[in-house]
C-alpha atoms as a PDB file:
ATOM      1  CA  MET A   1     -84.966 -60.999 133.307  1.00  0.00           C
ATOM      2  CA  LYS A   2     -86.546 -61.341 130.076  1.00  0.00           C
ATOM      3  CA  LEU A   3     -89.273 -60.332 128.356  1.00  0.00           C
ATOM      4  CA  ALA A   4     -91.813 -61.521 125.467  1.00  0.00           C
ATOM      5  CA  THR A   5     -94.776 -60.232 123.879  1.00  0.00           C
ATOM      6  CA  TYR A   6     -97.580 -62.855 122.949  1.00  0.00           C
ATOM      7  CA  LYS A   7     -99.982 -62.553 119.978  1.00  0.00           C
ATOM      8  CA  ASP A   8    -103.755 -61.980 121.294  1.00  0.00           C
ATOM      9  CA  GLY A   9    -104.879 -60.897 118.262  1.00  0.00           C
ATOM     10  CA  SER A  10    -104.094 -56.751 119.003  1.00  0.00           C
ATOM     11  CA  ARG A  11    -101.827 -54.591 118.254  1.00  0.00           C
ATOM     12  CA  ASP A  12     -99.465 -54.448 120.909  1.00  0.00           C
ATOM     13  CA  GLY A  13     -99.935 -57.965 122.475  1.00  0.00           C
ATOM     14  CA  GLN A  14     -99.558 -59.459 125.995  1.00  0.00           C
ATOM     15  CA  LEU A  15     -96.432 -59.407 128.081  1.00  0.00           C
ATOM     16  CA  VAL A  16     -94.706 -62.471 129.398  1.00  0.00           C
ATOM     17  CA  VAL A  17     -91.864 -62.652 131.539  1.00  0.00           C
ATOM     18  CA  VAL A  18     -89.544 -65.552 130.153  1.00  0.00           C
ATOM     19  CA  SER A  19     -87.565 -68.103 132.185  1.00  0.00           C
ATOM     20  CA  ARG A  20     -83.790 -67.829 131.742  1.00  0.00           C
ATOM     21  CA  ASP A  21     -83.395 -70.622 129.485  1.00  0.00           C
ATOM     22  CA  LEU A  22     -86.437 -69.810 127.438  1.00  0.00           C
ATOM     23  CA  ALA A  23     -88.553 -72.826 128.781  1.00  0.00           C
ATOM     24  CA  LEU A  24     -91.478 -71.084 130.133  1.00  0.00           C
ATOM     25  CA  ALA A  25     -93.234 -68.338 130.742  1.00  0.00           C
ATOM     26  CA  HIS A  26     -95.693 -66.270 132.645  1.00  0.00           C
ATOM     27  CA  PHE A  27     -97.975 -63.383 131.713  1.00  0.00           C
ATOM     28  CA  ALA A  28     -97.125 -60.464 133.309  1.00  0.00           C
ATOM     29  CA  THR A  29    -100.719 -59.282 133.861  1.00  0.00           C
ATOM     30  CA  ALA A  30    -100.974 -58.760 137.341  1.00  0.00           C
ATOM     31  CA  THR A  31     -98.060 -55.985 136.473  1.00  0.00           C
ATOM     32  CA  ALA A  32     -98.915 -54.833 132.939  1.00  0.00           C
ATOM     33  CA  THR A  33    -100.161 -55.929 130.182  1.00  0.00           C
ATOM     34  CA  ARG A  34     -97.851 -54.312 127.515  1.00  0.00           C
ATOM     35  CA  LEU A  35     -94.426 -53.411 127.746  1.00  0.00           C
ATOM     36  CA  GLN A  36     -94.705 -49.716 126.697  1.00  0.00           C
ATOM     37  CA  GLN A  37     -96.429 -49.639 130.391  1.00  0.00           C
ATOM     38  CA  VAL A  38     -93.586 -50.924 131.915  1.00  0.00           C
ATOM     39  CA  LEU A  39     -90.687 -48.862 130.095  1.00  0.00           C
ATOM     40  CA  ASP A  40     -93.472 -45.304 131.001  1.00  0.00           C
ATOM     41  CA  ASP A  41     -92.826 -46.689 134.819  1.00  0.00           C
ATOM     42  CA  TRP A  42     -89.566 -48.890 135.327  1.00  0.00           C
ATOM     43  CA  ASN A  43     -88.941 -48.426 138.662  1.00  0.00           C
ATOM     44  CA  PHE A  44     -91.955 -49.257 139.956  1.00  0.00           C
ATOM     45  CA  LEU A  45     -92.980 -51.910 137.763  1.00  0.00           C
ATOM     46  CA  SER A  46     -90.037 -53.685 136.680  1.00  0.00           C
ATOM     47  CA  PRO A  47     -89.092 -54.885 140.348  1.00  0.00           C
ATOM     48  CA  GLN A  48     -92.450 -56.579 140.226  1.00  0.00           C
ATOM     49  CA  LEU A  49     -91.912 -58.288 136.887  1.00  0.00           C
ATOM     50  CA  GLN A  50     -88.676 -59.061 138.645  1.00  0.00           C
ATOM     51  CA  ASP A  51     -90.071 -60.989 141.440  1.00  0.00           C
ATOM     52  CA  LEU A  52     -91.785 -62.499 138.788  1.00  0.00           C
ATOM     53  CA  TYR A  53     -88.825 -63.715 136.863  1.00  0.00           C
ATOM     54  CA  VAL A  54     -86.987 -65.070 139.807  1.00  0.00           C
ATOM     55  CA  THR A  55     -90.011 -67.210 140.997  1.00  0.00           C
ATOM     56  CA  LEU A  56     -90.415 -68.753 137.405  1.00  0.00           C
ATOM     57  CA  ASN A  57     -86.836 -69.732 137.436  1.00  0.00           C
ATOM     58  CA  GLN A  58     -87.352 -71.573 140.790  1.00  0.00           C
ATOM     59  CA  GLY A  59     -89.946 -73.032 139.573  1.00  0.00           C
ATOM     60  CA  ARG A  60     -92.307 -72.086 141.787  1.00  0.00           C
ATOM     61  CA  ALA A  61     -94.626 -69.719 139.435  1.00  0.00           C
ATOM     62  CA  ARG A  62     -98.224 -71.588 139.762  1.00  0.00           C
ATOM     63  CA  HIS A  63     -99.219 -70.451 135.962  1.00  0.00           C
ATOM     64  CA  ALA A  64     -96.570 -71.147 134.261  1.00  0.00           C
ATOM     65  CA  PHE A  65     -96.341 -72.720 130.780  1.00  0.00           C
ATOM     66  CA  ALA A  66     -94.283 -73.664 128.094  1.00  0.00           C
ATOM     67  CA  PHE A  67     -93.116 -70.896 125.766  1.00  0.00           C
ATOM     68  CA  GLU A  68     -93.289 -70.786 122.250  1.00  0.00           C
ATOM     69  CA  PRO A  69     -91.391 -68.141 120.383  1.00  0.00           C
ATOM     70  CA  ARG A  70     -93.824 -68.847 117.582  1.00  0.00           C
ATOM     71  CA  GLN A  71     -96.063 -66.897 119.298  1.00  0.00           C
ATOM     72  CA  CYS A  72     -94.425 -63.776 119.799  1.00  0.00           C
ATOM     73  CA  MET A  73     -94.631 -60.859 118.272  1.00  0.00           C
ATOM     74  CA  ALA A  74     -91.527 -58.156 118.516  1.00  0.00           C
ATOM     75  CA  PRO A  75     -91.159 -57.745 122.335  1.00  0.00           C
ATOM     76  CA  LEU A  76     -91.647 -54.019 121.620  1.00  0.00           C
ATOM     77  CA  PRO A  77     -94.254 -54.250 119.141  1.00  0.00           C
ATOM     78  CA  ARG A  78     -94.163 -50.547 118.014  1.00  0.00           C
ATOM     79  CA  ALA A  79     -92.166 -48.259 118.959  1.00  0.00           C
ATOM     80  CA  TYR A  80     -92.168 -43.999 119.160  1.00  0.00           C
ATOM     81  CA  GLN A  81     -88.942 -44.215 116.997  1.00  0.00           C
ATOM     82  CA  CYS A  82     -86.512 -46.265 115.625  1.00  0.00           C
ATOM     83  CA  ALA A  83     -83.229 -45.348 114.765  1.00  0.00           C
ATOM     84  CA  ASP A  84     -80.290 -47.600 113.334  1.00  0.00           C
ATOM     85  CA  GLY A  85     -76.602 -46.583 113.597  1.00  0.00           C
ATOM     86  CA  SER A  86     -73.785 -48.437 111.248  1.00  0.00           C
ATOM     87  CA  ALA A  87     -70.863 -48.834 114.536  1.00  0.00           C
ATOM     88  CA  TYR A  88     -69.346 -51.973 112.712  1.00  0.00           C
ATOM     89  CA  LEU A  89     -66.673 -50.043 110.739  1.00  0.00           C
ATOM     90  CA  SER A  90     -65.655 -52.848 108.500  1.00  0.00           C
ATOM     91  CA  HIS A  91     -68.736 -53.488 107.515  1.00  0.00           C
ATOM     92  CA  LEU A  92     -68.673 -49.897 105.622  1.00  0.00           C
ATOM     93  CA  ALA A  93     -65.242 -49.927 104.455  1.00  0.00           C
ATOM     94  CA  ARG A  94     -65.604 -53.494 102.628  1.00  0.00           C
ATOM     95  CA  VAL A  95     -69.104 -52.047 101.223  1.00  0.00           C
ATOM     96  CA  ARG A  96     -67.730 -48.755 100.226  1.00  0.00           C
ATOM     97  CA  GLN A  97     -64.178 -49.788  98.670  1.00  0.00           C
ATOM     98  CA  ALA A  98     -66.582 -52.022  96.512  1.00  0.00           C
ATOM     99  CA  ARG A  99     -67.770 -48.773  94.944  1.00  0.00           C
ATOM    100  CA  GLY A 100     -64.517 -47.356  94.892  1.00  0.00           C
ATOM    101  CA  ALA A 101     -64.924 -44.920  97.501  1.00  0.00           C
ATOM    102  CA  GLU A 102     -63.273 -44.261 100.889  1.00  0.00           C
ATOM    103  CA  LEU A 103     -64.839 -43.967 104.400  1.00  0.00           C
ATOM    104  CA  PRO A 104     -65.883 -40.489 106.031  1.00  0.00           C
ATOM    105  CA  ALA A 105     -62.784 -38.646 107.122  1.00  0.00           C
ATOM    106  CA  ASP A 106     -64.793 -38.623 110.936  1.00  0.00           C
ATOM    107  CA  ALA A 107     -66.200 -42.459 110.113  1.00  0.00           C
ATOM    108  CA  ALA A 108     -64.376 -43.430 113.814  1.00  0.00           C
ATOM    109  CA  SER A 109     -65.811 -40.288 115.557  1.00  0.00           C
ATOM    110  CA  ASN A 110     -69.306 -39.514 114.324  1.00  0.00           C
ATOM    111  CA  PRO A 111     -71.373 -42.625 114.160  1.00  0.00           C
ATOM    112  CA  LEU A 112     -73.858 -42.775 111.003  1.00  0.00           C
ATOM    113  CA  MET A 113     -77.512 -43.224 111.788  1.00  0.00           C
ATOM    114  CA  VAL A 114     -80.617 -43.449 109.838  1.00  0.00           C
ATOM    115  CA  GLN A 115     -84.222 -43.364 111.082  1.00  0.00           C
ATOM    116  CA  GLY A 116     -86.557 -46.167 110.588  1.00  0.00           C
ATOM    117  CA  GLY A 117     -89.847 -47.258 110.649  1.00  0.00           C
ATOM    118  CA  SER A 118     -90.997 -47.749 114.125  1.00  0.00           C
ATOM    119  CA  ASP A 119     -95.167 -48.579 113.864  1.00  0.00           C
ATOM    120  CA  ASP A 120     -94.872 -52.052 112.501  1.00  0.00           C
ATOM    121  CA  PHE A 121     -92.030 -54.343 113.498  1.00  0.00           C
ATOM    122  CA  GLN A 122     -91.941 -57.907 112.451  1.00  0.00           C
ATOM    123  CA  GLY A 123     -92.106 -60.615 114.962  1.00  0.00           C
ATOM    124  CA  PRO A 124     -89.245 -62.967 115.356  1.00  0.00           C
ATOM    125  CA  ARG A 125     -90.918 -65.731 113.159  1.00  0.00           C
ATOM    126  CA  ASP A 126     -93.306 -64.047 110.658  1.00  0.00           C
ATOM    127  CA  ASP A 127     -92.833 -64.553 107.177  1.00  0.00           C
ATOM    128  CA  ALA A 128     -91.116 -61.835 105.436  1.00  0.00           C
ATOM    129  CA  TRP A 129     -93.212 -60.179 102.597  1.00  0.00           C
ATOM    130  CA  PHE A 130     -91.716 -57.752  99.985  1.00  0.00           C
ATOM    131  CA  GLY A 131     -93.072 -56.408  96.688  1.00  0.00           C
ATOM    132  CA  SER A 132     -90.194 -58.167  94.097  1.00  0.00           C
ATOM    133  CA  GLU A 133     -87.115 -59.975  94.434  1.00  0.00           C
ATOM    134  CA  ALA A 134     -85.806 -57.550  92.044  1.00  0.00           C
ATOM    135  CA  TRP A 135     -85.895 -55.000  95.032  1.00  0.00           C
ATOM    136  CA  GLY A 136     -82.691 -56.799  95.971  1.00  0.00           C
ATOM    137  CA  ILE A 137     -83.832 -58.854  99.387  1.00  0.00           C
ATOM    138  CA  ASP A 138     -81.099 -58.847 102.194  1.00  0.00           C
ATOM    139  CA  PHE A 139     -81.488 -59.778 106.003  1.00  0.00           C
ATOM    140  CA  GLY A 140     -79.144 -57.759 108.628  1.00  0.00           C
ATOM    141  CA  ALA A 141     -77.943 -59.633 111.894  1.00  0.00           C
ATOM    142  CA  GLU A 142     -78.126 -56.548 114.450  1.00  0.00           C
ATOM    143  CA  LEU A 143     -78.202 -55.905 118.631  1.00  0.00           C
ATOM    144  CA  ALA A 144     -80.745 -53.416 119.340  1.00  0.00           C
ATOM    145  CA  VAL A 145     -81.352 -51.842 122.691  1.00  0.00           C
ATOM    146  CA  ILE A 146     -85.068 -50.285 123.903  1.00  0.00           C
ATOM    147  CA  THR A 147     -84.008 -47.078 125.754  1.00  0.00           C
ATOM    148  CA  GLY A 148     -86.110 -45.531 129.258  1.00  0.00           C
ATOM    149  CA  ASP A 149     -86.050 -41.509 128.821  1.00  0.00           C
ATOM    150  CA  VAL A 150     -82.893 -39.872 127.847  1.00  0.00           C
ATOM    151  CA  ALA A 151     -82.358 -36.142 128.215  1.00  0.00           C
ATOM    152  CA  MET A 152     -81.464 -33.822 125.095  1.00  0.00           C
ATOM    153  CA  GLY A 153     -77.719 -33.299 125.265  1.00  0.00           C
ATOM    154  CA  ALA A 154     -77.012 -36.501 127.816  1.00  0.00           C
ATOM    155  CA  SER A 155     -73.891 -37.514 127.772  1.00  0.00           C
ATOM    156  CA  PRO A 156     -72.671 -41.552 126.175  1.00  0.00           C
ATOM    157  CA  ASP A 157     -72.419 -42.513 129.767  1.00  0.00           C
ATOM    158  CA  GLN A 158     -75.768 -40.748 130.586  1.00  0.00           C
ATOM    159  CA  ALA A 159     -77.506 -42.301 127.542  1.00  0.00           C
ATOM    160  CA  LEU A 160     -75.669 -45.684 128.467  1.00  0.00           C
ATOM    161  CA  ASP A 161     -77.179 -45.502 131.706  1.00  0.00           C
ATOM    162  CA  GLY A 162     -80.590 -45.465 129.739  1.00  0.00           C
ATOM    163  CA  VAL A 163     -80.256 -48.890 128.223  1.00  0.00           C
ATOM    164  CA  ARG A 164     -83.351 -50.910 129.458  1.00  0.00           C
ATOM    165  CA  LEU A 165     -83.719 -53.730 127.342  1.00  0.00           C
ATOM    166  CA  LEU A 166     -81.265 -55.740 124.442  1.00  0.00           C
ATOM    167  CA  MET A 167     -82.489 -57.522 121.931  1.00  0.00           C
ATOM    168  CA  LEU A 168     -81.524 -59.247 118.556  1.00  0.00           C
ATOM    169  CA  ALA A 169     -82.395 -57.788 114.977  1.00  0.00           C
ATOM    170  CA  ASN A 170     -82.961 -58.532 111.516  1.00  0.00           C
ATOM    171  CA  GLY A 171     -82.451 -55.391 109.338  1.00  0.00           C
ATOM    172  CA  TRP A 172     -84.243 -56.193 106.238  1.00  0.00           C
ATOM    173  CA  ARG A 173     -83.418 -54.263 103.335  1.00  0.00           C
ATOM    174  CA  LEU A 174     -83.865 -53.818  99.774  1.00  0.00           C
ATOM    175  CA  ARG A 175     -80.556 -53.197  98.142  1.00  0.00           C
ATOM    176  CA  ASN A 176     -81.297 -52.661  94.676  1.00  0.00           C
ATOM    177  CA  LEU A 177     -83.907 -49.363  96.015  1.00  0.00           C
ATOM    178  CA  VAL A 178     -81.025 -48.038  97.995  1.00  0.00           C
ATOM    179  CA  PRO A 179     -79.043 -46.298  94.853  1.00  0.00           C
ATOM    180  CA  ALA A 180     -82.366 -44.183  93.366  1.00  0.00           C
ATOM    181  CA  GLU A 181     -82.925 -43.158  97.312  1.00  0.00           C
ATOM    182  CA  LEU A 182     -79.817 -42.126  97.709  1.00  0.00           C
ATOM    183  CA  ALA A 183     -79.246 -40.023  94.213  1.00  0.00           C
ATOM    184  CA  LYS A 184     -82.628 -37.985  95.831  1.00  0.00           C
ATOM    185  CA  GLY A 185     -80.142 -36.792  98.797  1.00  0.00           C
ATOM    186  CA  ASN A 186     -82.225 -37.911 101.720  1.00  0.00           C
ATOM    187  CA  GLY A 187     -81.252 -41.408 102.621  1.00  0.00           C
ATOM    188  CA  PHE A 188     -83.614 -44.691 103.174  1.00  0.00           C
ATOM    189  CA  LEU A 189     -87.420 -44.945 103.368  1.00  0.00           C
ATOM    190  CA  GLN A 190     -88.813 -47.497 100.673  1.00  0.00           C
ATOM    191  CA  SER A 191     -85.695 -49.805 100.841  1.00  0.00           C
ATOM    192  CA  LYS A 192     -85.424 -49.953 104.437  1.00  0.00           C
ATOM    193  CA  PRO A 193     -88.513 -52.450 105.314  1.00  0.00           C
ATOM    194  CA  ALA A 194     -90.227 -53.686 108.759  1.00  0.00           C
ATOM    195  CA  THR A 195     -87.407 -54.813 111.003  1.00  0.00           C
ATOM    196  CA  ALA A 196     -88.040 -58.095 113.400  1.00  0.00           C
ATOM    197  CA  PHE A 197     -86.432 -58.487 116.361  1.00  0.00           C
ATOM    198  CA  SER A 198     -86.342 -62.021 118.762  1.00  0.00           C
ATOM    199  CA  PRO A 199     -88.336 -63.625 120.860  1.00  0.00           C
ATOM    200  CA  VAL A 200     -87.121 -62.059 124.182  1.00  0.00           C
ATOM    201  CA  ALA A 201     -85.626 -58.850 125.372  1.00  0.00           C
ATOM    202  CA  VAL A 202     -83.225 -58.990 127.824  1.00  0.00           C
ATOM    203  CA  THR A 203     -82.052 -56.490 130.649  1.00  0.00           C
ATOM    204  CA  PRO A 204     -77.803 -56.184 130.666  1.00  0.00           C
ATOM    205  CA  ASP A 205     -77.947 -57.781 134.073  1.00  0.00           C
ATOM    206  CA  GLU A 206     -78.886 -60.902 132.094  1.00  0.00           C
ATOM    207  CA  LEU A 207     -75.424 -60.805 129.838  1.00  0.00           C
ATOM    208  CA  GLY A 208     -73.242 -60.850 133.159  1.00  0.00           C
ATOM    209  CA  ALA A 209     -69.662 -60.678 132.169  1.00  0.00           C
ATOM    210  CA  ALA A 210     -70.733 -60.384 128.319  1.00  0.00           C
ATOM    211  CA  TRP A 211     -71.994 -56.654 128.665  1.00  0.00           C
ATOM    212  CA  LYS A 212     -69.318 -54.353 129.430  1.00  0.00           C
ATOM    213  CA  GLY A 213     -68.725 -50.841 127.919  1.00  0.00           C
ATOM    214  CA  GLY A 214     -71.957 -50.704 126.589  1.00  0.00           C
ATOM    215  CA  ARG A 215     -70.834 -53.599 124.366  1.00  0.00           C
ATOM    216  CA  VAL A 216     -72.562 -57.306 124.059  1.00  0.00           C
ATOM    217  CA  HIS A 217     -69.290 -59.882 123.840  1.00  0.00           C
ATOM    218  CA  LEU A 218     -70.703 -62.955 122.717  1.00  0.00           C
ATOM    219  CA  ALA A 219     -70.741 -64.143 118.759  1.00  0.00           C
ATOM    220  CA  MET A 220     -73.573 -63.233 116.852  1.00  0.00           C
ATOM    221  CA  GLN A 221     -74.583 -66.641 114.473  1.00  0.00           C
ATOM    222  CA  SER A 222     -76.284 -66.379 110.897  1.00  0.00           C
ATOM    223  CA  THR A 223     -77.351 -69.091 108.919  1.00  0.00           C
ATOM    224  CA  LEU A 224     -79.174 -69.067 105.387  1.00  0.00           C
ATOM    225  CA  ASN A 225     -80.748 -72.450 104.455  1.00  0.00           C
ATOM    226  CA  GLY A 226     -79.463 -73.995 107.092  1.00  0.00           C
ATOM    227  CA  GLN A 227     -75.880 -72.858 106.151  1.00  0.00           C
ATOM    228  CA  ARG A 228     -73.702 -71.361 108.560  1.00  0.00           C
ATOM    229  CA  VAL A 229     -72.675 -68.015 107.159  1.00  0.00           C
ATOM    230  CA  GLY A 230     -71.348 -65.456 109.672  1.00  0.00           C
ATOM    231  CA  GLY A 231     -70.165 -66.007 113.696  1.00  0.00           C
ATOM    232  CA  CYS A 232     -68.667 -62.131 114.135  1.00  0.00           C
ATOM    233  CA  ASP A 233     -68.282 -61.377 117.747  1.00  0.00           C
ATOM    234  CA  ALA A 234     -70.253 -58.605 118.619  1.00  0.00           C
ATOM    235  CA  GLY A 235     -68.191 -56.938 121.205  1.00  0.00           C
ATOM    236  CA  PRO A 236     -64.339 -55.662 120.714  1.00  0.00           C
ATOM    237  CA  GLU A 237     -65.219 -54.096 117.115  1.00  0.00           C
ATOM    238  CA  MET A 238     -68.337 -52.259 117.964  1.00  0.00           C
ATOM    239  CA  ALA A 239     -67.110 -48.710 116.782  1.00  0.00           C
ATOM    240  CA  PHE A 240     -69.532 -46.855 118.977  1.00  0.00           C
ATOM    241  CA  HIS A 241     -70.547 -48.685 122.032  1.00  0.00           C
ATOM    242  CA  PHE A 242     -74.500 -48.256 122.802  1.00  0.00           C
ATOM    243  CA  GLY A 243     -74.174 -45.082 125.178  1.00  0.00           C
ATOM    244  CA  GLN A 244     -72.362 -42.906 122.104  1.00  0.00           C
ATOM    245  CA  LEU A 245     -75.422 -44.190 119.895  1.00  0.00           C
ATOM    246  CA  ILE A 246     -78.175 -43.347 122.231  1.00  0.00           C
ATOM    247  CA  ALA A 247     -75.658 -39.946 122.963  1.00  0.00           C
ATOM    248  CA  HIS A 248     -75.980 -39.199 118.987  1.00  0.00           C
ATOM    249  CA  LEU A 249     -79.557 -39.360 118.453  1.00  0.00           C
ATOM    250  CA  ALA A 250     -80.119 -37.375 121.894  1.00  0.00           C
ATOM    251  CA  LYS A 251     -77.789 -34.576 120.864  1.00  0.00           C
ATOM    252  CA  THR A 252     -80.932 -32.283 119.445  1.00  0.00           C
ATOM    253  CA  ARG A 253     -83.970 -33.742 120.850  1.00  0.00           C
ATOM    254  CA  ASN A 254     -85.319 -35.923 123.908  1.00  0.00           C
ATOM    255  CA  VAL A 255     -85.533 -39.960 123.313  1.00  0.00           C
ATOM    256  CA  ARG A 256     -88.461 -40.965 125.337  1.00  0.00           C
ATOM    257  CA  ALA A 257     -88.682 -44.413 127.112  1.00  0.00           C
ATOM    258  CA  GLY A 258     -89.605 -46.929 124.056  1.00  0.00           C
ATOM    259  CA  SER A 259     -87.326 -45.727 121.590  1.00  0.00           C
ATOM    260  CA  VAL A 260     -85.452 -48.890 119.992  1.00  0.00           C
ATOM    261  CA  VAL A 261     -81.489 -48.158 118.617  1.00  0.00           C
ATOM    262  CA  GLY A 262     -79.855 -50.600 116.630  1.00  0.00           C
ATOM    263  CA  SER A 263     -76.208 -51.604 116.469  1.00  0.00           C
ATOM    264  CA  GLY A 264     -76.515 -51.679 112.581  1.00  0.00           C
ATOM    265  CA  THR A 265     -74.981 -55.022 111.092  1.00  0.00           C
ATOM    266  CA  VAL A 266     -72.403 -56.877 112.700  1.00  0.00           C
ATOM    267  CA  SER A 267     -68.810 -57.299 111.205  1.00  0.00           C
ATOM    268  CA  ASN A 268     -65.250 -58.262 111.997  1.00  0.00           C
ATOM    269  CA  ALA A 269     -62.672 -57.286 109.995  1.00  0.00           C
ATOM    270  CA  ASP A 270     -61.736 -61.259 109.825  1.00  0.00           C
ATOM    271  CA  ALA A 271     -63.315 -62.037 106.915  1.00  0.00           C
ATOM    272  CA  ALA A 272     -63.041 -65.708 107.806  1.00  0.00           C
ATOM    273  CA  LYS A 273     -65.150 -65.259 110.567  1.00  0.00           C
ATOM    274  CA  GLY A 274     -68.356 -64.213 107.977  1.00  0.00           C
ATOM    275  CA  TRP A 275     -70.738 -62.100 106.943  1.00  0.00           C
ATOM    276  CA  HIS A 276     -74.164 -60.860 108.548  1.00  0.00           C
ATOM    277  CA  CYS A 277     -75.648 -59.459 105.253  1.00  0.00           C
ATOM    278  CA  ILE A 278     -75.494 -60.373 101.665  1.00  0.00           C
ATOM    279  CA  VAL A 279     -74.108 -56.987 100.608  1.00  0.00           C
ATOM    280  CA  GLU A 280     -71.068 -57.348 102.193  1.00  0.00           C
ATOM    281  CA  GLN A 281     -70.189 -60.606 100.900  1.00  0.00           C
ATOM    282  CA  ARG A 282     -70.684 -59.309  97.601  1.00  0.00           C
ATOM    283  CA  ALA A 283     -68.768 -56.161  98.077  1.00  0.00           C
ATOM    284  CA  ILE A 284     -66.031 -58.554  99.415  1.00  0.00           C
ATOM    285  CA  GLU A 285     -66.351 -60.514  96.137  1.00  0.00           C
ATOM    286  CA  THR A 286     -66.423 -57.885  93.828  1.00  0.00           C
ATOM    287  CA  VAL A 287     -62.916 -56.367  95.283  1.00  0.00           C
ATOM    288  CA  GLU A 288     -61.467 -60.010  95.407  1.00  0.00           C
ATOM    289  CA  LEU A 289     -63.061 -61.678  92.225  1.00  0.00           C
ATOM    290  CA  GLY A 290     -64.165 -58.420  90.267  1.00  0.00           C
ATOM    291  CA  GLU A 291     -67.406 -58.927  90.234  1.00  0.00           C
ATOM    292  CA  PRO A 292     -70.372 -59.782  92.943  1.00  0.00           C
ATOM    293  CA  ARG A 293     -71.458 -63.916  92.777  1.00  0.00           C
ATOM    294  CA  THR A 294     -73.848 -64.411  96.468  1.00  0.00           C
ATOM    295  CA  PRO A 295     -77.216 -63.461  95.187  1.00  0.00           C
ATOM    296  CA  TYR A 296     -79.944 -61.630  97.423  1.00  0.00           C
ATOM    297  CA  LEU A 297     -82.467 -63.429  99.118  1.00  0.00           C
ATOM    298  CA  VAL A 298     -85.509 -65.164  96.820  1.00  0.00           C
ATOM    299  CA  THR A 299     -89.242 -66.295  98.054  1.00  0.00           C
ATOM    300  CA  GLY A 300     -88.482 -69.354  99.778  1.00  0.00           C
ATOM    301  CA  ASP A 301     -85.114 -68.547 101.521  1.00  0.00           C
ATOM    302  CA  THR A 302     -84.699 -68.340 105.309  1.00  0.00           C
ATOM    303  CA  VAL A 303     -82.913 -66.577 107.452  1.00  0.00           C
ATOM    304  CA  ARG A 304     -81.587 -67.573 111.311  1.00  0.00           C
ATOM    305  CA  ILE A 305     -80.051 -64.886 113.626  1.00  0.00           C
ATOM    306  CA  GLU A 306     -78.870 -66.135 117.493  1.00  0.00           C
ATOM    307  CA  MET A 307     -76.881 -65.466 120.112  1.00  0.00           C
ATOM    308  CA  THR A 308     -76.000 -67.607 122.693  1.00  0.00           C
ATOM    309  CA  GLY A 309     -73.938 -66.995 126.197  1.00  0.00           C
ATOM    310  CA  ARG A 310     -70.817 -68.620 127.187  1.00  0.00           C
ATOM    311  CA  ASP A 311     -72.597 -71.273 129.199  1.00  0.00           C
ATOM    312  CA  GLY A 312     -73.935 -72.180 125.497  1.00  0.00           C
ATOM    313  CA  LEU A 313     -77.713 -71.181 126.030  1.00  0.00           C
ATOM    314  CA  SER A 314     -79.457 -69.031 123.503  1.00  0.00           C
ATOM    315  CA  VAL A 315     -79.669 -65.663 125.660  1.00  0.00           C
ATOM    316  CA  PHE A 316     -82.321 -63.748 122.983  1.00  0.00           C
ATOM    317  CA  GLY A 317     -84.010 -66.948 121.142  1.00  0.00           C
ATOM    318  CA  ALA A 318     -83.612 -66.633 117.659  1.00  0.00           C
ATOM    319  CA  ILE A 319     -84.857 -64.963 114.542  1.00  0.00           C
ATOM    320  CA  GLU A 320     -85.874 -67.155 112.001  1.00  0.00           C
ATOM    321  CA  GLN A 321     -87.695 -66.047 108.765  1.00  0.00           C
ATOM    322  CA  ARG A 322     -89.201 -67.117 105.803  1.00  0.00           C
ATOM    323  CA  VAL A 323     -88.956 -64.860 102.593  1.00  0.00           C
ATOM    324  CA  ALA A 324     -92.375 -64.889 101.243  1.00  0.00           C
ATOM    325  CA  GLY A 325     -94.324 -64.055  98.000  1.00  0.00           C
ATOM    326  CA  PRO A 326     -95.823 -63.118  95.988  1.00  0.00           C
ATOM    327  CA  ILE A 327     -93.461 -61.344  94.106  1.00  0.00           C
ATOM    328  CA  ASP A 328     -94.435 -58.596  91.636  1.00  0.00           C
ATOM    329  CA  GLN A 329     -92.113 -58.583  88.349  1.00  0.00           C
ATOM    330  CA  SER A 330     -92.775 -55.659  87.268  1.00  0.00           C
ATOM    331  CA  ALA A 331     -90.559 -54.011  89.984  1.00  0.00           C
ATOM    332  CA  PRO A 332     -87.759 -51.453  88.278  1.00  0.00           C
ATOM    333  CA  PRO A 333     -84.216 -53.597  87.258  1.00  0.00           C
ATOM    334  CA  ALA A 334     -80.932 -54.194  89.748  1.00  0.00           C
ATOM    335  CA  ASP A 335     -79.015 -51.078  89.399  1.00  0.00           C
ATOM    336  CA  ALA A 336     -75.534 -50.947  92.079  1.00  0.00           C
ATOM    337  CA  ASP A 337     -74.591 -52.436  95.521  1.00  0.00           C
ATOM    338  CA  PRO A 338     -75.303 -49.734  97.838  1.00  0.00           C
ATOM    339  CA  VAL A 339     -74.208 -49.464 101.775  1.00  0.00           C
END
């Protein structure tokens, strides 16, 4: 099934069920008003929503209405935690090569992961506001999952069973703030602003054969100001599947229902398939041309991220965001391209 959250003036919005083709929606009020309620009582409430989903797809839902992505918040507008992995090693390798650095020796066996903010996610069509263009505004096209409860010490297989829903994510980064933060030894904070998510979150069964081995075997599509820049396959080159990423997070803690885990920016070794964040393209340019030439985003730039299924239909709906002002020109100058 496919679920979304409509804006209603509250922090958590109103849960709606969305048809498979993203044409119709129906409020889920009779079952639950918020997605977190469903995640907390998944085995009891999700079958009820599934029944509504079937009715909606059959055209028999009495109070259905046209689905409007612009009315959507993030499917889960705020979460108990959000952790972001770096599951695509070609991305890490390129960026580090541009800095003259190598991948960690255990890069293929021990995933990198950072804790992100989870109290204020962005909706799929929300304008993205940043303090300054000088901060190095970059997007990042990712996949993400929302979990049920996963026990501390869970195996990757056990953790994979905890995947409840999948979404697309735009993991915004402020690249020119990263070097100073890393120099402090504690990782990202200000350089990792609020993440945006797709209009709908879907259960794994909606992906059919494309959901295999904890990976989504479909192409990510990214455009910048209407020009296609990325079309990487999200499946085969995901070095750590979602079960492994969740298990990594759960090694020393319980992971509770409503946790969000991201894949990191989708990337392929074949550079001809494009890029899904600007820093990776700048890294390629640095290695091949001696300097980066693709600029970071400025006010008015628009990013679109989408994924279509094997039937040609949009799976999650599109994230489409415009970089908005005001711009504070007193921000610190650019430093260096980070990971």
